[in-house]
Structure formats: structure tokens, C-alpha cells
Amino acid sequence: MHKILASVATTALALGGLTVAAMPAAADVAPPSSPAAPELVVPADPGQITDCDATIEDVVVPEDTEAIDYTFDGRYLVARTMPGYTFGSGGSFGRYRHTPDEDPRQGGFLTGHTAELGIEQLVAPRCGLTVLSYEPVCVDGTPHLKYEIARPEGATRDDIALISWEGDRAGWEVLASGSGHDYPLSGLYHWPDIVVNADGTYSSRDNPQVRVADVDLHFSAGYLGADGIRRYYATFFEDAPITNPCGTDATVPAATPVANPVSSTSQSPSAAADSTEVLPETGATVGTAVGATALLLALGTGLLWYRRRLVARD
């Protein structure tokens, strides 16, 4: 039967003057091929420029390849895959952020074909900050840090400063700061609530578990320029002032060995409070404990005298 079909497939049949070509055998038809899976690729990262005088013109756009096309509009570096390639289904690719295909700033579906880097990821100038002066002052019985910072070049606002008292691991051991609020370039800054521990280390009253061996004074400022670039200015001074200018110098008790006096310890807040002497601006916990002990002794003496009077009467 198969031989007959094969013979018919190669022969034209004449039916009423109409020539019809026979269909090939079912065994000769190849199954449809499935499309090849797209190849996984990673967009090139030009890095972040941190030179103080860096501008948008310094951004180096990666060269296009057969797999990825790059475009930069002055605000976003966008990478798009070519047909047959994909960034995958993850939410990020290195420093790139997964974005919709239609437009990286608008709605759409995440298909793994578009990713972007913002301008702050490309250009983030880091500059030195000039501090003209700073000193602890007492104003109407309230302690402050009086300071003056030179205006960074190009800054159009005054409220761009931040002051913080930090340990050696800057950014990780912050004892006091403005909690993200920006302050004027000159004026009076609120005094920090820092305590000195019995072992000679320093802590914030709100977080006594973090102990640092010494405290540095950090000044920083940042602003968004007309070119869309945010510039950062910073400097710091060792041995930050911590003694209340409205009080007397604190006496630091003899040092007590601790497991790690420079970073966070496993000591409980209550245990840390028991071994903490407060700097003059915040009062004295030691005086409170002594006063309570004296009161208990007085009450005990009074009760003993009253009991003896009752025994004498009997």
C-alpha cells in the first residue's frame, strides 16, 4: 500500500483535463520546530564617576553589540536586548534596574528586555567641605554647637548641611545626627545626648549598646545642581567636643574591660545603664542611686527606733 502511495505521489493524474499533484506521504512530513530559547545576557556597567568636577558629559555610554542596544538621554542609561536575547526574569542585573519595555519611566510589563541606570548611579561627585569654624557655646543656659560652613560652589540654598557625632566606623556608629534633616550653612546646632560609660567608651543615650572608643565630628552637605547632578561635600574632625558647654567637665570612671568596646556589644540596655555616667548636660544617674540608698537607710533606722519605744512602754 505504501509503495502505491509513493508511486501516486510522483505521478500527475489527469481528471477531466485538470492535472492534480498527489500529496506527499504522511511519513515524509517533518514536525514543526520549536523556537530557540533566547540567550541570557548582562548589560555593561560603565561605573559611577565620583570626581568632584564630574558632569553629565563624562558619562561613557557602552558600545552597542549584536545582543544589546544602549541609549542615554541625560537622565537614564537604558539597555535593550535585541531579538534572540534576554536579561532574564530577575528584578535587577548588577546595578541595573529591570524596567518595562515601553518606557523606563512609565507603566508596562517586565519582560526581561529592558534595564536602566539613573543619573545618580552614573555621576555622584564627592567633594571636600570647608568648615570655617565650630565651637561649643552656652546660650541662655542651653548648650549648642556654633558652626560656619563655606558655601559649596554652585549651591543655591543654605539648608543643605548635616552634622553628626560618629565613631571610627563612619556611617555605622552614629551617636547623634540631625536625623536626615538639612540645616543652614551657619548657626547653632543642638547639643548631642551622648553619655560616657564606666569603661571610658561613649554611647548615645537612646542606644547604650553601641559603644565607641572615640568620637569624631562630621560635617556634610549636598545639593541638586541645575545640571541634574547631585553633589556631595563632606569632612570630619577627630576628637569631637562632647562636654556640655553649660556645665562642668565630666569625670570618666576607671575603665572596665569589655568584649568589644569599639562596636556594638551584647550587653542589655539595663546593664549598660547601670554602668553609665551621664555627661553634665543630661543629669546624673549615680546621684539618683545614692539618694535612694540613703532614703532606705533612714526608713530602716526610724522603724527600729519606733519599735524600741513600743517595747519600752510594755
Protein backbone atom coordinates (compact mmCIF):
# COMPACT_ATOMS: atom_id res chain seq x y z
CA MET A 1 0.00 0.00 0.00
CA HIS A 2 2.84 2.38 0.89
CA LYS A 3 4.51 1.60 -2.43
CA ILE A 4 1.32 2.51 -4.26
CA LEU A 5 1.04 5.85 -2.41
CA ALA A 6 4.67 6.63 -3.18
CA SER A 7 4.09 5.89 -6.86
CA VAL A 8 0.99 8.05 -6.96
CA ALA A 9 2.86 10.88 -5.21
CA THR A 10 5.24 11.14 -8.14
CA THR A 11 2.63 10.90 -10.88
CA ALA A 12 0.23 13.55 -12.13
CA LEU A 13 -3.35 12.37 -12.52
CA ALA A 14 -5.48 13.68 -15.34
CA LEU A 15 -9.07 14.13 -14.27
CA GLY A 16 -11.28 15.79 -16.81
CA GLY A 17 -8.41 17.79 -18.24
CA LEU A 18 -7.32 19.02 -14.76
CA THR A 19 -3.90 17.96 -13.58
CA VAL A 20 -3.65 17.35 -9.80
CA ALA A 21 -0.39 16.72 -7.97
CA ALA A 22 -0.60 13.98 -5.40
CA MET A 23 0.08 14.90 -1.72
CA PRO A 24 3.26 13.52 -0.13
CA ALA A 25 3.05 10.64 2.26
CA ALA A 26 2.36 11.43 5.92
CA ALA A 27 5.65 9.83 6.89
CA ASP A 28 7.53 12.39 4.76
CA VAL A 29 6.14 15.50 6.64
CA ALA A 30 8.64 16.90 9.25
CA PRO A 31 7.17 18.07 12.62
CA PRO A 32 7.23 21.86 13.25
CA SER A 33 10.38 23.01 15.07
CA SER A 34 10.05 24.88 18.43
CA PRO A 35 11.65 28.36 18.61
CA ALA A 36 15.08 28.53 20.22
CA ALA A 37 15.21 29.90 23.77
CA PRO A 38 16.62 33.45 23.94
CA GLU A 39 20.22 33.73 25.07
CA LEU A 40 20.78 35.24 28.54
CA VAL A 41 22.99 38.36 28.51
CA VAL A 42 24.11 41.01 31.04
CA PRO A 43 24.24 44.76 30.28
CA ALA A 44 27.60 46.52 30.53
CA ASP A 45 28.03 48.80 33.57
CA PRO A 46 30.06 51.97 32.89
CA GLY A 47 30.57 52.51 36.63
CA GLN A 48 29.98 55.57 38.80
CA ILE A 49 32.04 58.74 38.38
CA THR A 50 32.85 60.39 41.73
CA ASP A 51 35.32 63.10 40.72
CA CYS A 52 34.33 66.42 42.25
CA ASP A 53 34.15 68.20 38.88
CA ALA A 54 32.31 65.39 37.06
CA THR A 55 29.45 66.32 34.72
CA ILE A 56 26.92 64.53 32.52
CA GLU A 57 29.34 64.81 29.61
CA ASP A 58 31.68 62.46 31.45
CA VAL A 59 29.24 59.54 31.20
CA VAL A 60 30.63 56.88 28.86
CA VAL A 61 27.81 55.03 27.09
CA PRO A 62 28.67 51.36 26.38
CA GLU A 63 29.01 50.43 22.72
CA ASP A 64 26.12 48.60 21.09
CA THR A 65 26.54 44.90 20.46
CA GLU A 66 24.61 42.32 18.47
CA ALA A 67 22.84 41.46 21.73
CA ILE A 68 22.24 44.84 23.45
CA ASP A 69 21.43 48.38 22.33
CA TYR A 70 22.30 51.32 24.67
CA THR A 71 20.79 54.82 24.77
CA PHE A 72 21.43 57.75 27.15
CA ASP A 73 19.11 60.75 27.35
CA GLY A 74 21.00 62.69 30.02
CA ARG A 75 18.95 61.19 32.85
CA TYR A 76 18.83 57.44 32.22
CA LEU A 77 21.13 54.93 30.58
CA VAL A 78 18.77 52.37 29.03
CA ALA A 79 19.85 48.93 27.81
CA ARG A 80 17.55 46.94 25.50
CA THR A 81 18.12 43.44 24.22
CA MET A 82 17.99 42.59 20.52
CA PRO A 83 15.81 39.72 19.20
CA GLY A 84 17.00 36.37 20.45
CA TYR A 85 18.46 37.75 23.70
CA THR A 86 17.12 38.49 27.18
CA PHE A 87 18.24 39.86 30.55
CA GLY A 88 16.18 37.17 32.28
CA SER A 89 13.22 37.46 34.61
CA GLY A 90 15.01 38.84 37.67
CA GLY A 91 14.32 42.27 39.11
CA SER A 92 17.84 43.62 38.70
CA PHE A 93 21.00 42.95 36.75
CA GLY A 94 24.01 44.16 38.72
CA ARG A 95 23.34 47.84 39.38
CA TYR A 96 20.75 48.00 36.59
CA ARG A 97 17.06 48.10 37.41
CA HIS A 98 14.54 45.97 35.49
CA THR A 99 12.11 48.31 33.70
CA PRO A 100 9.11 47.99 31.37
CA ASP A 101 9.84 47.67 27.67
CA GLU A 102 7.59 50.53 26.54
CA ASP A 103 9.31 53.27 28.55
CA PRO A 104 11.53 53.01 31.63
CA ARG A 105 9.56 55.77 33.42
CA GLN A 106 6.02 54.59 32.60
CA GLY A 107 3.80 51.56 33.11
CA GLY A 108 4.16 48.34 31.20
CA PHE A 109 5.17 44.73 31.55
CA LEU A 110 8.51 43.45 32.78
CA THR A 111 9.67 41.06 30.07
CA GLY A 112 13.42 40.94 30.71
CA HIS A 113 14.35 43.02 27.68
CA THR A 114 14.89 46.50 29.21
CA ALA A 115 17.01 47.76 32.11
CA GLU A 116 18.25 51.18 33.21
CA LEU A 117 20.71 53.13 35.37
CA GLY A 118 19.71 56.55 36.76
CA ILE A 119 21.97 59.59 36.56
CA GLU A 120 22.90 59.39 40.27
CA GLN A 121 24.17 55.88 39.67
CA LEU A 122 26.35 57.20 36.87
CA VAL A 123 27.59 60.54 38.24
CA ALA A 124 27.90 61.20 42.00
CA PRO A 125 30.63 63.80 42.64
CA ARG A 126 32.32 63.62 46.06
CA CYS A 127 33.98 66.84 47.19
CA GLY A 128 35.73 68.19 50.25
CA LEU A 129 33.80 70.55 52.51
CA THR A 130 35.36 73.66 54.07
CA VAL A 131 34.34 74.28 57.68
CA LEU A 132 35.28 77.81 58.69
CA SER A 133 34.72 77.39 62.42
CA TYR A 134 32.92 75.42 65.13
CA GLU A 135 32.82 75.68 68.92
CA PRO A 136 30.60 74.61 71.84
CA VAL A 137 28.61 77.55 73.23
CA CYS A 138 26.10 78.06 76.02
CA VAL A 139 23.16 80.27 75.02
CA ASP A 140 20.65 81.14 77.74
CA GLY A 141 21.56 78.01 79.66
CA THR A 142 21.16 75.73 76.61
CA PRO A 143 24.18 74.00 75.02
CA HIS A 144 24.77 74.32 71.28
CA LEU A 145 27.45 73.81 68.68
CA LYS A 146 28.10 77.09 66.90
CA TYR A 147 29.42 76.48 63.37
CA GLU A 148 30.01 78.07 59.99
CA ILE A 149 30.47 76.18 56.71
CA ALA A 150 31.72 77.70 53.46
CA ARG A 151 29.09 77.60 50.72
CA PRO A 152 29.87 74.84 48.20
CA GLU A 153 30.40 76.11 44.68
CA GLY A 154 27.14 76.12 42.74
CA ALA A 155 24.88 75.72 45.78
CA THR A 156 21.83 77.99 45.66
CA ARG A 157 20.34 77.06 49.06
CA ASP A 158 21.57 77.39 52.62
CA ASP A 159 19.68 74.50 54.24
CA ILE A 160 21.89 71.70 52.93
CA ALA A 161 24.12 70.90 55.92
CA LEU A 162 24.18 67.89 58.25
CA ILE A 163 26.28 67.49 61.40
CA SER A 164 26.85 64.21 63.23
CA TRP A 165 28.90 62.71 66.06
CA GLU A 166 30.21 59.31 64.94
CA GLY A 167 32.69 56.59 65.86
CA ASP A 168 35.58 55.39 63.71
CA ARG A 169 33.23 53.35 61.53
CA ALA A 170 31.58 56.38 59.97
CA GLY A 171 28.04 55.72 58.85
CA TRP A 172 27.74 52.64 61.09
CA GLU A 173 28.47 54.13 64.51
CA VAL A 174 26.35 57.29 64.54
CA LEU A 175 25.83 58.55 68.09
CA ALA A 176 24.00 61.77 67.20
CA SER A 177 22.84 63.42 63.98
CA GLY A 178 20.13 65.60 62.52
CA SER A 179 18.03 62.53 61.62
CA GLY A 180 18.18 63.36 57.92
CA HIS A 181 17.09 66.99 58.29
CA ASP A 182 19.11 69.63 56.48
CA TYR A 183 20.40 72.64 58.40
CA PRO A 184 21.74 76.08 57.39
CA LEU A 185 25.39 76.51 56.48
CA SER A 186 25.90 78.52 59.68
CA GLY A 187 24.15 78.81 63.01
CA LEU A 188 23.54 76.85 66.21
CA TYR A 189 23.22 73.07 66.20
CA HIS A 190 21.50 71.17 69.01
CA TRP A 191 23.86 69.55 71.50
CA PRO A 192 24.17 65.74 71.30
CA ASP A 193 22.82 63.47 74.03
CA ILE A 194 25.99 61.41 74.49
CA VAL A 195 26.96 59.58 77.67
CA VAL A 196 30.32 58.30 78.84
CA ASN A 197 30.35 54.71 80.05
CA ALA A 198 32.17 53.28 83.05
CA ASP A 199 34.72 51.66 80.73
CA GLY A 200 35.62 55.01 79.14
CA THR A 201 33.69 54.45 75.90
CA TYR A 202 30.92 56.66 74.58
CA SER A 203 27.30 55.92 73.68
CA SER A 204 24.10 57.60 72.68
CA ARG A 205 21.55 57.76 75.50
CA ASP A 206 18.96 56.25 73.13
CA ASN A 207 21.21 53.33 72.19
CA PRO A 208 23.63 52.47 75.02
CA GLN A 209 24.54 49.14 73.46
CA VAL A 210 26.62 50.87 70.77
CA ARG A 211 29.95 51.87 72.33
CA VAL A 212 32.78 53.68 70.58
CA ALA A 213 36.32 54.35 71.76
CA ASP A 214 36.40 57.90 70.43
CA VAL A 215 34.04 60.31 68.72
CA ASP A 216 34.59 62.32 65.52
CA LEU A 217 32.63 65.36 64.36
CA HIS A 218 31.33 65.03 60.78
CA PHE A 219 30.09 67.85 58.54
CA SER A 220 28.39 67.13 55.22
CA ALA A 221 26.27 68.88 52.63
CA GLY A 222 24.59 68.00 49.36
CA TYR A 223 22.52 69.72 46.74
CA LEU A 224 20.95 69.07 43.33
CA GLY A 225 22.55 71.28 40.71
CA ALA A 226 20.90 72.87 37.70
CA ASP A 227 22.51 70.16 35.54
CA GLY A 228 20.58 67.47 37.39
CA ILE A 229 23.68 66.18 39.21
CA ARG A 230 23.59 65.80 43.00
CA ARG A 231 26.92 66.70 44.55
CA TYR A 232 28.11 65.61 47.98
CA TYR A 233 30.52 67.51 50.22
CA ALA A 234 31.98 66.14 53.46
CA THR A 235 34.76 66.44 56.01
CA PHE A 236 35.32 65.41 59.63
CA PHE A 237 37.37 66.34 62.70
CA GLU A 238 38.79 63.91 65.22
CA ASP A 239 38.04 64.20 68.95
CA ALA A 240 34.62 65.81 68.69
CA PRO A 241 33.53 68.06 71.59
CA ILE A 242 31.13 66.18 73.86
CA THR A 243 31.34 68.04 77.20
CA ASN A 244 28.35 70.26 77.90
CA PRO A 245 29.46 73.90 77.48
CA CYS A 246 26.84 74.91 80.04
CA GLY A 247 28.21 72.57 82.73
CA THR A 248 31.47 71.22 84.13
CA ASP A 249 33.77 68.60 82.73
CA ALA A 250 32.66 65.02 83.32
CA THR A 251 34.85 62.66 85.34
CA VAL A 252 35.28 59.39 83.48
CA PRO A 253 35.38 56.39 85.88
CA ALA A 254 38.18 53.83 85.69
CA ALA A 255 37.97 51.75 82.54
CA THR A 256 36.21 48.41 82.77
CA PRO A 257 37.26 45.72 80.25
CA VAL A 258 34.58 44.83 77.72
CA ALA A 259 34.47 42.27 74.95
CA ASN A 260 34.47 44.82 72.13
CA PRO A 261 34.48 48.46 73.25
CA VAL A 262 34.59 49.88 69.73
CA SER A 263 31.40 48.39 68.30
CA SER A 264 28.03 47.06 69.38
CA THR A 265 28.08 44.70 72.36
CA SER A 266 25.70 42.05 73.59
CA GLN A 267 25.15 43.86 76.87
CA SER A 268 21.49 44.50 77.67
CA PRO A 269 20.24 48.13 77.80
CA SER A 270 19.53 47.83 81.53
CA ALA A 271 23.02 46.52 82.30
CA ALA A 272 24.58 49.28 80.19
CA ALA A 273 22.52 51.88 82.02
CA ASP A 274 23.77 50.58 85.39
CA SER A 275 27.40 51.19 84.34
CA THR A 276 26.79 54.57 82.70
CA GLU A 277 27.59 58.00 83.99
CA VAL A 278 25.73 60.79 82.24
CA LEU A 279 27.52 63.87 80.95
CA PRO A 280 26.62 67.14 82.75
CA GLU A 281 24.03 68.23 80.20
CA THR A 282 21.78 65.28 80.93
CA GLY A 283 21.89 64.90 84.76
CA ALA A 284 23.42 62.17 86.93
CA THR A 285 22.12 58.63 87.32
CA VAL A 286 24.72 57.95 90.02
CA GLY A 287 23.23 60.61 92.32
CA THR A 288 19.78 59.05 91.98
CA ALA A 289 21.04 55.64 93.11
CA VAL A 290 22.88 57.10 96.12
CA GLY A 291 19.82 59.11 97.16
CA ALA A 292 17.60 56.04 97.05
CA THR A 293 20.04 54.09 99.22
CA ALA A 294 20.19 56.88 101.81
CA LEU A 295 16.38 57.04 101.97
CA LEU A 296 16.12 53.29 102.64
CA LEU A 297 18.69 53.52 105.43
CA ALA A 298 16.79 56.41 107.07
CA LEU A 299 13.49 54.50 106.95
CA GLY A 300 15.12 51.43 108.50
CA THR A 301 16.61 53.49 111.35
CA GLY A 302 13.25 55.13 112.05
CA LEU A 303 11.41 51.83 112.22
CA LEU A 304 13.99 50.42 114.64
CA TRP A 305 13.64 53.46 116.95
CA TYR A 306 9.80 53.25 116.87
CA ARG A 307 9.89 49.53 117.76
CA ARG A 308 12.15 50.20 120.75
CA ARG A 309 9.69 52.86 122.03
CA LEU A 310 6.86 50.32 121.89
CA VAL A 311 8.91 47.73 123.78
CA ALA A 312 9.80 50.29 126.47
CA ARG A 313 6.10 51.13 127.01
CA ASP A 314 5.21 47.48 127.50
